[in-house]
Amino acid sequence: MRTCGVDPAGIDVVFCTHLHVDHVGWNTRQDNGRWQPTFPNARYLFGRRELADWMTQHDAGRAPPIHARALEQSVIPIVDAGRVDLVDDGHQLGPGLRLVPLPGHTSGQMGLMVDYAQHRAIFCGDAVHNPVQIFQPNLSTSSCADPQLAGETRAKILAEAADSGRLVIPAHFRGPRCAHIRRDGGGYAPVFDARHR
C-alpha cells in the first residue's frame, strides 16, 4: 500500500463482508510476535450475526481448522484491540452507502450497496464467486454454508441488478472484476466492461 502512496495509518474504515480466511487475512500483521491491527486507526466493521456464528463454532471446536486459525490471527485480535464495530443489515456507512444481507455463503455475509445519482453498484463478497454462477445461479461452491440459500441470494442480486442497471462487484472474479447483468432468455448473462478491472 505504501508503494501506492497509501499509509495504513490513514485508513479509517475496514469492512469485512464475511469472516472466511481469505477475507480477513490482511486485518492484522505480526509485531513482536503478536497479531496487531494492520490499520491501527481504522474501525473494522464485522457483521454482528457473522461474528457471533463464527465465535460459537470456534468456542465449540467446530470451526474448520483453517478458519479457526484465521479467527485467532485476524479477527479475535481486532476484537481484543477494541477496533470492531458490530453492524447489522441496513447499516449506513454514509449517504448512498448501506450494508445489505447476503446469506448463504456464510450465515451473516453482507454486501455494500451503492446508490448514487449516477452510479449504482453492489460489492457482494462471495455471494457471486465465479462468472459461471451468473448463468447458473443455483450453482454454489463447496465453501457455501447453505448452498440453497446462497443460490436464492444470488438470484435476487442478479434480478435486481438486471432491472436496475446496478454494477455487480464480486470479490473473486479475475480479469474484468465486475459486470452489469442483462436478462438472457429465462436467465442472465454478464456484460463485462474493460474499464472496470
N, C-alpha and C. Protein backbone atom coordinates (compact mmCIF):
# COMPACT_ATOMS: atom_id res chain seq x y z
N MET A 1 0.82 -1.19 0.00
CA MET A 1 0.00 0.00 0.00
C MET A 1 0.86 1.25 0.00
N ARG A 2 1.95 1.17 0.77
CA ARG A 2 2.81 2.35 0.84
C ARG A 2 3.41 2.68 -0.52
N THR A 3 3.74 1.64 -1.33
CA THR A 3 4.29 1.91 -2.66
C THR A 3 3.27 2.60 -3.56
N CYS A 4 1.99 2.48 -3.22
CA CYS A 4 0.94 3.17 -3.98
C CYS A 4 0.60 4.53 -3.35
N GLY A 5 1.33 4.90 -2.30
CA GLY A 5 1.10 6.18 -1.66
C GLY A 5 0.02 6.17 -0.60
N VAL A 6 -0.37 4.97 -0.12
CA VAL A 6 -1.40 4.87 0.91
C VAL A 6 -0.76 4.44 2.22
N ASP A 7 -0.90 5.27 3.22
CA ASP A 7 -0.39 4.95 4.55
C ASP A 7 -1.45 4.16 5.30
N PRO A 8 -1.15 2.94 5.76
CA PRO A 8 -2.15 2.17 6.50
C PRO A 8 -2.74 2.92 7.69
N ALA A 9 -1.98 3.81 8.27
CA ALA A 9 -2.50 4.60 9.40
C ALA A 9 -3.57 5.58 8.97
N GLY A 10 -3.66 5.87 7.68
CA GLY A 10 -4.67 6.80 7.18
C GLY A 10 -6.00 6.14 6.84
N ILE A 11 -6.07 4.81 6.89
CA ILE A 11 -7.32 4.09 6.61
C ILE A 11 -8.20 4.19 7.84
N ASP A 12 -9.46 4.62 7.66
CA ASP A 12 -10.32 4.78 8.83
C ASP A 12 -11.45 3.77 8.93
N VAL A 13 -11.77 3.03 7.84
CA VAL A 13 -12.82 2.02 7.89
C VAL A 13 -12.38 0.80 7.09
N VAL A 14 -12.54 -0.38 7.69
CA VAL A 14 -12.34 -1.66 7.01
C VAL A 14 -13.63 -2.45 7.17
N PHE A 15 -14.23 -2.85 6.05
CA PHE A 15 -15.46 -3.64 6.09
C PHE A 15 -15.18 -5.05 5.61
N CYS A 16 -15.48 -6.05 6.43
CA CYS A 16 -15.34 -7.45 6.06
C CYS A 16 -16.72 -7.99 5.70
N THR A 17 -16.91 -8.38 4.44
CA THR A 17 -18.21 -8.90 4.02
C THR A 17 -18.58 -10.15 4.80
N HIS A 18 -17.56 -10.97 5.10
CA HIS A 18 -17.74 -12.17 5.90
C HIS A 18 -16.37 -12.55 6.46
N LEU A 19 -16.32 -13.58 7.29
CA LEU A 19 -15.10 -13.84 8.04
C LEU A 19 -14.37 -15.11 7.62
N HIS A 20 -14.48 -15.48 6.36
CA HIS A 20 -13.65 -16.58 5.84
C HIS A 20 -12.19 -16.13 5.81
N VAL A 21 -11.30 -17.11 5.87
CA VAL A 21 -9.87 -16.86 5.95
C VAL A 21 -9.37 -15.91 4.86
N ASP A 22 -9.87 -16.06 3.65
CA ASP A 22 -9.36 -15.24 2.54
C ASP A 22 -9.95 -13.83 2.52
N HIS A 23 -10.80 -13.51 3.49
CA HIS A 23 -11.37 -12.17 3.56
C HIS A 23 -10.96 -11.41 4.83
N VAL A 24 -10.15 -12.05 5.67
CA VAL A 24 -9.73 -11.38 6.90
C VAL A 24 -8.21 -11.31 7.07
N GLY A 25 -7.47 -11.96 6.18
CA GLY A 25 -6.03 -12.12 6.38
C GLY A 25 -5.23 -10.84 6.48
N TRP A 26 -5.68 -9.77 5.84
CA TRP A 26 -4.95 -8.51 5.92
C TRP A 26 -5.41 -7.64 7.09
N ASN A 27 -6.33 -8.15 7.90
CA ASN A 27 -6.79 -7.37 9.05
C ASN A 27 -5.66 -7.11 10.04
N THR A 28 -4.73 -8.06 10.13
CA THR A 28 -3.68 -7.96 11.15
C THR A 28 -2.31 -8.21 10.53
N ARG A 29 -1.31 -7.89 11.32
CA ARG A 29 0.09 -8.18 10.97
C ARG A 29 0.80 -8.52 12.27
N GLN A 30 1.87 -9.28 12.15
CA GLN A 30 2.62 -9.63 13.36
C GLN A 30 3.58 -8.51 13.73
N ASP A 31 3.60 -8.19 15.00
CA ASP A 31 4.50 -7.18 15.54
C ASP A 31 5.05 -7.73 16.85
N ASN A 32 6.34 -8.04 16.86
CA ASN A 32 6.97 -8.65 18.05
C ASN A 32 6.24 -9.90 18.50
N GLY A 33 5.83 -10.73 17.53
CA GLY A 33 5.19 -12.00 17.84
C GLY A 33 3.72 -11.91 18.20
N ARG A 34 3.14 -10.72 18.13
CA ARG A 34 1.71 -10.56 18.44
C ARG A 34 0.98 -10.05 17.22
N TRP A 35 -0.27 -10.48 17.06
CA TRP A 35 -1.10 -10.02 15.95
C TRP A 35 -1.69 -8.67 16.32
N GLN A 36 -1.40 -7.67 15.48
CA GLN A 36 -1.86 -6.30 15.71
C GLN A 36 -2.68 -5.84 14.50
N PRO A 37 -3.62 -4.91 14.68
CA PRO A 37 -4.36 -4.39 13.53
C PRO A 37 -3.42 -3.79 12.47
N THR A 38 -3.60 -4.19 11.23
CA THR A 38 -2.81 -3.63 10.13
C THR A 38 -3.10 -2.15 9.97
N PHE A 39 -4.36 -1.78 10.21
CA PHE A 39 -4.80 -0.39 10.06
C PHE A 39 -5.12 0.13 11.47
N PRO A 40 -4.14 0.68 12.16
CA PRO A 40 -4.28 0.96 13.59
C PRO A 40 -5.32 2.01 13.94
N ASN A 41 -5.71 2.84 12.99
CA ASN A 41 -6.68 3.89 13.28
C ASN A 41 -8.06 3.60 12.68
N ALA A 42 -8.21 2.41 12.10
CA ALA A 42 -9.48 2.07 11.45
C ALA A 42 -10.46 1.44 12.42
N ARG A 43 -11.74 1.65 12.12
CA ARG A 43 -12.80 0.86 12.74
C ARG A 43 -13.07 -0.29 11.78
N TYR A 44 -13.04 -1.48 12.29
CA TYR A 44 -13.30 -2.68 11.50
C TYR A 44 -14.78 -3.03 11.64
N LEU A 45 -15.48 -3.11 10.54
CA LEU A 45 -16.91 -3.43 10.56
C LEU A 45 -17.10 -4.92 10.33
N PHE A 46 -17.61 -5.61 11.34
CA PHE A 46 -17.94 -7.02 11.24
C PHE A 46 -19.45 -7.15 11.43
N GLY A 47 -20.08 -8.02 10.64
CA GLY A 47 -21.49 -8.29 10.85
C GLY A 47 -21.70 -8.95 12.21
N ARG A 48 -22.66 -8.43 12.95
CA ARG A 48 -22.94 -8.96 14.29
C ARG A 48 -23.27 -10.46 14.22
N ARG A 49 -24.17 -10.83 13.31
CA ARG A 49 -24.58 -12.23 13.16
C ARG A 49 -23.40 -13.09 12.69
N GLU A 50 -22.59 -12.56 11.75
CA GLU A 50 -21.45 -13.29 11.22
C GLU A 50 -20.44 -13.60 12.32
N LEU A 51 -20.08 -12.60 13.11
CA LEU A 51 -19.10 -12.81 14.18
C LEU A 51 -19.66 -13.78 15.22
N ALA A 52 -20.90 -13.62 15.61
CA ALA A 52 -21.49 -14.50 16.63
C ALA A 52 -21.48 -15.96 16.16
N ASP A 53 -21.83 -16.19 14.90
CA ASP A 53 -21.85 -17.55 14.38
C ASP A 53 -20.45 -18.17 14.40
N TRP A 54 -19.45 -17.41 13.92
CA TRP A 54 -18.10 -17.95 13.88
C TRP A 54 -17.53 -18.16 15.28
N MET A 55 -17.82 -17.27 16.20
CA MET A 55 -17.30 -17.43 17.56
C MET A 55 -17.95 -18.63 18.25
N THR A 56 -19.23 -18.87 17.96
CA THR A 56 -19.90 -20.06 18.51
C THR A 56 -19.22 -21.32 17.99
N GLN A 57 -18.96 -21.36 16.68
CA GLN A 57 -18.28 -22.52 16.10
C GLN A 57 -16.87 -22.67 16.70
N HIS A 58 -16.16 -21.55 16.79
CA HIS A 58 -14.78 -21.58 17.32
C HIS A 58 -14.77 -22.09 18.76
N ASP A 59 -15.62 -21.50 19.60
CA ASP A 59 -15.61 -21.85 21.02
C ASP A 59 -16.06 -23.29 21.27
N ALA A 60 -16.88 -23.83 20.37
CA ALA A 60 -17.34 -25.22 20.49
C ALA A 60 -16.38 -26.20 19.81
N GLY A 61 -15.31 -25.68 19.19
CA GLY A 61 -14.36 -26.53 18.49
C GLY A 61 -14.88 -27.07 17.17
N ARG A 62 -15.89 -26.41 16.58
CA ARG A 62 -16.49 -26.88 15.34
C ARG A 62 -16.03 -26.10 14.11
N ALA A 63 -15.27 -25.04 14.29
CA ALA A 63 -14.79 -24.26 13.13
C ALA A 63 -13.72 -25.07 12.42
N PRO A 64 -13.80 -25.18 11.09
CA PRO A 64 -12.73 -25.87 10.36
C PRO A 64 -11.38 -25.25 10.73
N PRO A 65 -10.33 -26.06 10.83
CA PRO A 65 -9.03 -25.56 11.31
C PRO A 65 -8.53 -24.31 10.59
N ILE A 66 -8.68 -24.26 9.27
CA ILE A 66 -8.18 -23.09 8.54
C ILE A 66 -8.91 -21.82 8.95
N HIS A 67 -10.21 -21.93 9.24
CA HIS A 67 -10.98 -20.76 9.66
C HIS A 67 -10.74 -20.46 11.14
N ALA A 68 -10.52 -21.50 11.94
CA ALA A 68 -10.21 -21.27 13.36
C ALA A 68 -8.93 -20.46 13.49
N ARG A 69 -7.91 -20.83 12.69
CA ARG A 69 -6.64 -20.07 12.73
C ARG A 69 -6.86 -18.62 12.28
N ALA A 70 -7.68 -18.45 11.25
CA ALA A 70 -7.95 -17.09 10.76
C ALA A 70 -8.64 -16.27 11.84
N LEU A 71 -9.57 -16.87 12.55
CA LEU A 71 -10.23 -16.16 13.64
C LEU A 71 -9.22 -15.76 14.71
N GLU A 72 -8.34 -16.69 15.06
CA GLU A 72 -7.37 -16.45 16.13
C GLU A 72 -6.32 -15.41 15.72
N GLN A 73 -5.99 -15.35 14.44
CA GLN A 73 -4.93 -14.45 13.98
C GLN A 73 -5.45 -13.12 13.45
N SER A 74 -6.65 -13.12 12.87
CA SER A 74 -7.09 -11.95 12.09
C SER A 74 -8.43 -11.37 12.49
N VAL A 75 -9.12 -12.00 13.43
CA VAL A 75 -10.41 -11.49 13.88
C VAL A 75 -10.38 -11.20 15.38
N ILE A 76 -10.08 -12.20 16.18
CA ILE A 76 -10.09 -12.02 17.63
C ILE A 76 -9.13 -10.92 18.07
N PRO A 77 -7.92 -10.80 17.48
CA PRO A 77 -7.06 -9.68 17.89
C PRO A 77 -7.66 -8.30 17.61
N ILE A 78 -8.48 -8.20 16.56
CA ILE A 78 -9.15 -6.93 16.27
C ILE A 78 -10.21 -6.64 17.34
N VAL A 79 -10.94 -7.69 17.72
CA VAL A 79 -11.94 -7.54 18.79
C VAL A 79 -11.24 -7.15 20.09
N ASP A 80 -10.15 -7.88 20.42
CA ASP A 80 -9.43 -7.61 21.66
C ASP A 80 -8.82 -6.20 21.69
N ALA A 81 -8.47 -5.68 20.52
CA ALA A 81 -7.90 -4.33 20.45
C ALA A 81 -8.97 -3.24 20.54
N GLY A 82 -10.24 -3.65 20.59
CA GLY A 82 -11.33 -2.67 20.68
C GLY A 82 -11.56 -1.90 19.40
N ARG A 83 -11.18 -2.48 18.25
CA ARG A 83 -11.28 -1.77 16.96
C ARG A 83 -12.52 -2.17 16.17
N VAL A 84 -13.40 -3.01 16.73
CA VAL A 84 -14.55 -3.54 15.98
C VAL A 84 -15.81 -2.76 16.26
N ASP A 85 -16.56 -2.50 15.19
CA ASP A 85 -17.94 -2.05 15.30
C ASP A 85 -18.79 -3.16 14.72
N LEU A 86 -19.68 -3.73 15.54
CA LEU A 86 -20.58 -4.75 15.05
C LEU A 86 -21.74 -4.07 14.34
N VAL A 87 -22.01 -4.49 13.12
CA VAL A 87 -23.03 -3.84 12.30
C VAL A 87 -24.11 -4.83 11.91
N ASP A 88 -25.27 -4.29 11.64
CA ASP A 88 -26.42 -5.09 11.25
C ASP A 88 -26.87 -4.70 9.85
N ASP A 89 -27.71 -5.54 9.27
CA ASP A 89 -28.26 -5.25 7.96
C ASP A 89 -28.91 -3.87 7.96
N GLY A 90 -28.65 -3.11 6.90
CA GLY A 90 -29.22 -1.77 6.79
C GLY A 90 -28.32 -0.68 7.33
N HIS A 91 -27.20 -1.04 7.95
CA HIS A 91 -26.27 -0.04 8.49
C HIS A 91 -25.84 0.92 7.38
N GLN A 92 -25.88 2.21 7.67
CA GLN A 92 -25.49 3.24 6.70
C GLN A 92 -24.05 3.65 6.95
N LEU A 93 -23.21 3.47 5.91
CA LEU A 93 -21.82 3.93 6.02
C LEU A 93 -21.69 5.40 5.69
N GLY A 94 -22.65 5.91 4.98
CA GLY A 94 -22.65 7.29 4.54
C GLY A 94 -23.79 7.46 3.55
N PRO A 95 -23.99 8.66 3.03
CA PRO A 95 -25.06 8.87 2.05
C PRO A 95 -24.89 7.93 0.85
N GLY A 96 -25.93 7.15 0.56
CA GLY A 96 -25.90 6.25 -0.58
C GLY A 96 -25.10 4.98 -0.38
N LEU A 97 -24.68 4.70 0.83
CA LEU A 97 -23.88 3.51 1.13
C LEU A 97 -24.50 2.76 2.30
N ARG A 98 -25.05 1.56 2.01
CA ARG A 98 -25.66 0.79 3.10
C ARG A 98 -25.32 -0.68 2.97
N LEU A 99 -25.29 -1.36 4.11
CA LEU A 99 -24.98 -2.78 4.15
C LEU A 99 -26.27 -3.57 4.00
N VAL A 100 -26.19 -4.65 3.22
CA VAL A 100 -27.36 -5.49 2.96
C VAL A 100 -27.02 -6.95 3.26
N PRO A 101 -28.02 -7.73 3.69
CA PRO A 101 -27.76 -9.15 3.99
C PRO A 101 -27.60 -9.95 2.70
N LEU A 102 -26.60 -10.83 2.68
CA LEU A 102 -26.36 -11.74 1.55
C LEU A 102 -26.06 -13.13 2.10
N PRO A 103 -27.00 -13.75 2.82
CA PRO A 103 -26.72 -15.02 3.48
C PRO A 103 -26.62 -16.19 2.50
N GLY A 104 -25.97 -17.23 2.96
CA GLY A 104 -25.86 -18.46 2.19
C GLY A 104 -24.42 -18.92 2.11
N HIS A 105 -23.54 -18.07 1.60
CA HIS A 105 -22.12 -18.42 1.57
C HIS A 105 -21.64 -18.60 3.01
N THR A 106 -22.01 -17.64 3.86
CA THR A 106 -21.92 -17.79 5.32
C THR A 106 -23.26 -17.30 5.86
N SER A 107 -23.49 -17.55 7.14
CA SER A 107 -24.79 -17.19 7.70
C SER A 107 -25.03 -15.69 7.74
N GLY A 108 -23.96 -14.93 7.92
CA GLY A 108 -24.13 -13.49 8.11
C GLY A 108 -23.42 -12.63 7.09
N GLN A 109 -23.08 -13.19 5.92
CA GLN A 109 -22.40 -12.36 4.91
C GLN A 109 -23.25 -11.14 4.56
N MET A 110 -22.57 -10.01 4.39
CA MET A 110 -23.24 -8.78 3.98
C MET A 110 -22.51 -8.19 2.78
N GLY A 111 -23.22 -7.36 2.05
CA GLY A 111 -22.62 -6.64 0.94
C GLY A 111 -22.81 -5.16 1.13
N LEU A 112 -22.11 -4.39 0.32
CA LEU A 112 -22.23 -2.94 0.34
C LEU A 112 -23.00 -2.48 -0.89
N MET A 113 -24.16 -1.89 -0.67
CA MET A 113 -24.99 -1.37 -1.74
C MET A 113 -24.68 0.11 -1.93
N VAL A 114 -24.36 0.47 -3.16
CA VAL A 114 -24.03 1.85 -3.51
C VAL A 114 -25.18 2.42 -4.34
N ASP A 115 -25.77 3.49 -3.87
CA ASP A 115 -26.86 4.15 -4.58
C ASP A 115 -26.58 5.64 -4.66
N TYR A 116 -25.89 6.04 -5.73
CA TYR A 116 -25.64 7.45 -6.01
C TYR A 116 -26.50 7.84 -7.21
N ALA A 117 -26.62 9.12 -7.44
CA ALA A 117 -27.47 9.59 -8.54
C ALA A 117 -27.03 9.01 -9.88
N GLN A 118 -25.74 8.95 -10.14
CA GLN A 118 -25.24 8.48 -11.43
C GLN A 118 -24.67 7.06 -11.40
N HIS A 119 -24.46 6.50 -10.21
CA HIS A 119 -23.81 5.20 -10.12
C HIS A 119 -24.53 4.32 -9.11
N ARG A 120 -24.72 3.06 -9.52
CA ARG A 120 -25.32 2.06 -8.64
C ARG A 120 -24.44 0.81 -8.71
N ALA A 121 -24.12 0.25 -7.56
CA ALA A 121 -23.27 -0.95 -7.53
C ALA A 121 -23.59 -1.76 -6.28
N ILE A 122 -23.15 -3.02 -6.30
CA ILE A 122 -23.18 -3.85 -5.10
C ILE A 122 -21.86 -4.60 -5.01
N PHE A 123 -21.14 -4.35 -3.92
CA PHE A 123 -19.96 -5.13 -3.59
C PHE A 123 -20.49 -6.35 -2.83
N CYS A 124 -20.44 -7.52 -3.48
CA CYS A 124 -21.19 -8.66 -2.97
C CYS A 124 -20.34 -9.77 -2.37
N GLY A 125 -19.08 -9.49 -2.04
CA GLY A 125 -18.26 -10.51 -1.40
C GLY A 125 -18.23 -11.79 -2.21
N ASP A 126 -18.60 -12.90 -1.58
CA ASP A 126 -18.61 -14.20 -2.25
C ASP A 126 -20.01 -14.68 -2.60
N ALA A 127 -20.99 -13.78 -2.58
CA ALA A 127 -22.34 -14.18 -2.98
C ALA A 127 -22.34 -14.63 -4.44
N VAL A 128 -21.53 -13.97 -5.26
CA VAL A 128 -21.26 -14.42 -6.63
C VAL A 128 -19.75 -14.67 -6.66
N HIS A 129 -19.37 -15.92 -6.74
CA HIS A 129 -17.97 -16.30 -6.58
C HIS A 129 -17.26 -16.49 -7.90
N ASN A 130 -18.01 -16.88 -8.93
CA ASN A 130 -17.44 -17.21 -10.23
C ASN A 130 -18.42 -16.77 -11.32
N PRO A 131 -17.94 -16.27 -12.46
CA PRO A 131 -18.86 -15.82 -13.51
C PRO A 131 -19.86 -16.87 -13.97
N VAL A 132 -19.51 -18.16 -13.86
CA VAL A 132 -20.45 -19.20 -14.29
C VAL A 132 -21.75 -19.15 -13.47
N GLN A 133 -21.67 -18.61 -12.25
CA GLN A 133 -22.86 -18.52 -11.41
C GLN A 133 -23.87 -17.50 -11.92
N ILE A 134 -23.44 -16.61 -12.80
CA ILE A 134 -24.40 -15.69 -13.43
C ILE A 134 -25.30 -16.48 -14.37
N PHE A 135 -24.73 -17.45 -15.06
CA PHE A 135 -25.51 -18.29 -15.95
C PHE A 135 -26.29 -19.37 -15.20
N GLN A 136 -25.73 -19.82 -14.08
CA GLN A 136 -26.34 -20.87 -13.26
C GLN A 136 -26.37 -20.42 -11.80
N PRO A 137 -27.33 -19.57 -11.44
CA PRO A 137 -27.35 -19.02 -10.08
C PRO A 137 -27.47 -20.07 -8.97
N ASN A 138 -28.01 -21.24 -9.27
CA ASN A 138 -28.16 -22.26 -8.23
C ASN A 138 -26.88 -23.05 -7.98
N LEU A 139 -25.84 -22.80 -8.76
CA LEU A 139 -24.57 -23.48 -8.59
C LEU A 139 -23.77 -22.81 -7.48
N SER A 140 -23.54 -23.54 -6.39
CA SER A 140 -22.81 -22.98 -5.25
C SER A 140 -21.44 -23.64 -5.12
N THR A 141 -20.57 -23.01 -4.36
CA THR A 141 -19.24 -23.55 -4.13
C THR A 141 -19.27 -24.49 -2.93
N SER A 142 -18.21 -25.27 -2.79
CA SER A 142 -18.12 -26.20 -1.65
C SER A 142 -17.96 -25.45 -0.33
N SER A 143 -17.63 -24.17 -0.39
CA SER A 143 -17.45 -23.41 0.85
C SER A 143 -18.71 -22.66 1.27
N CYS A 144 -19.82 -22.88 0.57
CA CYS A 144 -21.08 -22.24 0.97
C CYS A 144 -21.70 -23.00 2.13
N ALA A 145 -22.03 -22.29 3.19
CA ALA A 145 -22.63 -22.92 4.37
C ALA A 145 -24.01 -23.47 4.07
N ASP A 146 -24.78 -22.76 3.26
CA ASP A 146 -26.14 -23.17 2.90
C ASP A 146 -26.29 -22.97 1.39
N PRO A 147 -25.95 -23.99 0.59
CA PRO A 147 -25.96 -23.83 -0.87
C PRO A 147 -27.30 -23.37 -1.44
N GLN A 148 -28.41 -23.87 -0.91
CA GLN A 148 -29.71 -23.45 -1.43
C GLN A 148 -29.95 -21.97 -1.16
N LEU A 149 -29.68 -21.53 0.05
CA LEU A 149 -29.86 -20.12 0.40
C LEU A 149 -28.89 -19.25 -0.40
N ALA A 150 -27.66 -19.73 -0.61
CA ALA A 150 -26.70 -18.99 -1.42
C ALA A 150 -27.23 -18.77 -2.83
N GLY A 151 -27.84 -19.82 -3.41
CA GLY A 151 -28.42 -19.69 -4.74
C GLY A 151 -29.57 -18.70 -4.78
N GLU A 152 -30.41 -18.72 -3.75
CA GLU A 152 -31.53 -17.78 -3.68
C GLU A 152 -31.02 -16.34 -3.56
N THR A 153 -30.00 -16.14 -2.75
CA THR A 153 -29.41 -14.80 -2.60
C THR A 153 -28.83 -14.33 -3.92
N ARG A 154 -28.11 -15.22 -4.59
CA ARG A 154 -27.50 -14.88 -5.88
C ARG A 154 -28.57 -14.49 -6.90
N ALA A 155 -29.66 -15.26 -6.94
CA ALA A 155 -30.75 -14.96 -7.88
C ALA A 155 -31.34 -13.58 -7.61
N LYS A 156 -31.48 -13.21 -6.35
CA LYS A 156 -32.02 -11.88 -6.01
C LYS A 156 -31.06 -10.78 -6.46
N ILE A 157 -29.76 -10.98 -6.23
CA ILE A 157 -28.77 -9.99 -6.66
C ILE A 157 -28.86 -9.79 -8.17
N LEU A 158 -28.88 -10.89 -8.92
CA LEU A 158 -28.88 -10.82 -10.38
C LEU A 158 -30.16 -10.18 -10.91
N ALA A 159 -31.30 -10.54 -10.34
CA ALA A 159 -32.58 -9.96 -10.79
C ALA A 159 -32.59 -8.46 -10.55
N GLU A 160 -32.18 -8.05 -9.36
CA GLU A 160 -32.18 -6.62 -9.04
C GLU A 160 -31.19 -5.87 -9.93
N ALA A 161 -30.01 -6.46 -10.16
CA ALA A 161 -29.00 -5.80 -10.99
C ALA A 161 -29.47 -5.68 -12.44
N ALA A 162 -30.12 -6.71 -12.94
CA ALA A 162 -30.62 -6.67 -14.31
C ALA A 162 -31.70 -5.61 -14.46
N ASP A 163 -32.55 -5.46 -13.45
CA ASP A 163 -33.65 -4.50 -13.52
C ASP A 163 -33.20 -3.06 -13.29
N SER A 164 -32.17 -2.88 -12.46
CA SER A 164 -31.77 -1.52 -12.06
C SER A 164 -30.54 -1.00 -12.79
N GLY A 165 -29.80 -1.88 -13.46
CA GLY A 165 -28.55 -1.47 -14.08
C GLY A 165 -27.39 -1.40 -13.09
N ARG A 166 -27.58 -2.00 -11.93
CA ARG A 166 -26.56 -1.97 -10.88
C ARG A 166 -25.34 -2.80 -11.30
N LEU A 167 -24.14 -2.28 -11.08
CA LEU A 167 -22.90 -2.99 -11.34
C LEU A 167 -22.67 -3.99 -10.23
N VAL A 168 -22.38 -5.24 -10.57
CA VAL A 168 -22.12 -6.30 -9.59
C VAL A 168 -20.60 -6.45 -9.45
N ILE A 169 -20.11 -6.30 -8.21
CA ILE A 169 -18.67 -6.34 -7.95
C ILE A 169 -18.38 -7.45 -6.94
N PRO A 170 -18.07 -8.64 -7.44
CA PRO A 170 -17.72 -9.76 -6.56
C PRO A 170 -16.26 -9.65 -6.11
N ALA A 171 -15.90 -10.44 -5.11
CA ALA A 171 -14.54 -10.39 -4.59
C ALA A 171 -13.55 -11.21 -5.40
N HIS A 172 -14.01 -12.25 -6.11
CA HIS A 172 -13.06 -13.21 -6.67
C HIS A 172 -13.00 -13.28 -8.19
N PHE A 173 -13.70 -12.44 -8.92
CA PHE A 173 -13.60 -12.51 -10.38
C PHE A 173 -12.18 -12.16 -10.80
N ARG A 174 -11.72 -12.78 -11.88
CA ARG A 174 -10.42 -12.47 -12.45
C ARG A 174 -10.63 -11.67 -13.73
N GLY A 175 -9.59 -11.01 -14.22
CA GLY A 175 -9.76 -10.21 -15.44
C GLY A 175 -10.72 -9.08 -15.14
N PRO A 176 -11.77 -8.92 -15.98
CA PRO A 176 -12.79 -7.92 -15.64
C PRO A 176 -13.42 -8.32 -14.31
N ARG A 177 -13.29 -7.48 -13.32
CA ARG A 177 -13.66 -7.86 -11.96
C ARG A 177 -15.11 -7.60 -11.60
N CYS A 178 -15.85 -7.02 -12.51
CA CYS A 178 -17.25 -6.75 -12.21
C CYS A 178 -18.04 -6.76 -13.51
N ALA A 179 -19.36 -6.75 -13.38
CA ALA A 179 -20.18 -6.86 -14.58
C ALA A 179 -21.55 -6.23 -14.35
N HIS A 180 -22.09 -5.71 -15.43
CA HIS A 180 -23.51 -5.42 -15.45
C HIS A 180 -24.21 -6.72 -15.83
N ILE A 181 -25.45 -6.84 -15.49
CA ILE A 181 -26.20 -8.07 -15.72
C ILE A 181 -27.36 -7.77 -16.66
N ARG A 182 -27.53 -8.62 -17.67
CA ARG A 182 -28.70 -8.48 -18.55
C ARG A 182 -29.48 -9.77 -18.55
N ARG A 183 -30.77 -9.63 -18.75
CA ARG A 183 -31.61 -10.82 -18.86
C ARG A 183 -31.32 -11.48 -20.20
N ASP A 184 -31.30 -12.80 -20.20
CA ASP A 184 -30.99 -13.56 -21.40
C ASP A 184 -31.91 -14.78 -21.43
N GLY A 185 -32.99 -14.67 -22.18
CA GLY A 185 -33.99 -15.74 -22.16
C GLY A 185 -34.57 -15.84 -20.77
N GLY A 186 -34.51 -17.03 -20.18
CA GLY A 186 -35.01 -17.21 -18.82
C GLY A 186 -33.95 -17.03 -17.77
N GLY A 187 -32.75 -16.60 -18.17
CA GLY A 187 -31.66 -16.44 -17.21
C GLY A 187 -30.97 -15.11 -17.33
N TYR A 188 -29.68 -15.11 -17.07
CA TYR A 188 -28.89 -13.89 -17.05
C TYR A 188 -27.58 -14.10 -17.79
N ALA A 189 -26.99 -12.99 -18.20
CA ALA A 189 -25.66 -13.01 -18.82
C ALA A 189 -24.90 -11.78 -18.33
N PRO A 190 -23.57 -11.91 -18.16
CA PRO A 190 -22.78 -10.77 -17.73
C PRO A 190 -22.41 -9.87 -18.91
N VAL A 191 -22.28 -8.59 -18.62
CA VAL A 191 -21.75 -7.64 -19.59
C VAL A 191 -20.52 -7.04 -18.94
N PHE A 192 -19.34 -7.52 -19.37
CA PHE A 192 -18.09 -7.05 -18.79
C PHE A 192 -17.64 -5.78 -19.50
N ASP A 193 -17.02 -4.92 -18.75
CA ASP A 193 -16.51 -3.65 -19.28
C ASP A 193 -15.05 -3.54 -18.88
N ALA A 194 -14.17 -3.41 -19.85
CA ALA A 194 -12.72 -3.37 -19.58
C ALA A 194 -12.34 -2.22 -18.65
N ARG A 195 -13.18 -1.19 -18.56
CA ARG A 195 -12.85 -0.06 -17.66
C ARG A 195 -12.91 -0.49 -16.20
N HIS A 196 -13.66 -1.54 -15.91
CA HIS A 196 -13.85 -1.97 -14.52
C HIS A 196 -12.94 -3.16 -14.19
N ARG A 197 -11.64 -2.94 -14.22
CA ARG A 197 -10.68 -4.00 -13.90
C ARG A 197 -10.15 -3.84 -12.50
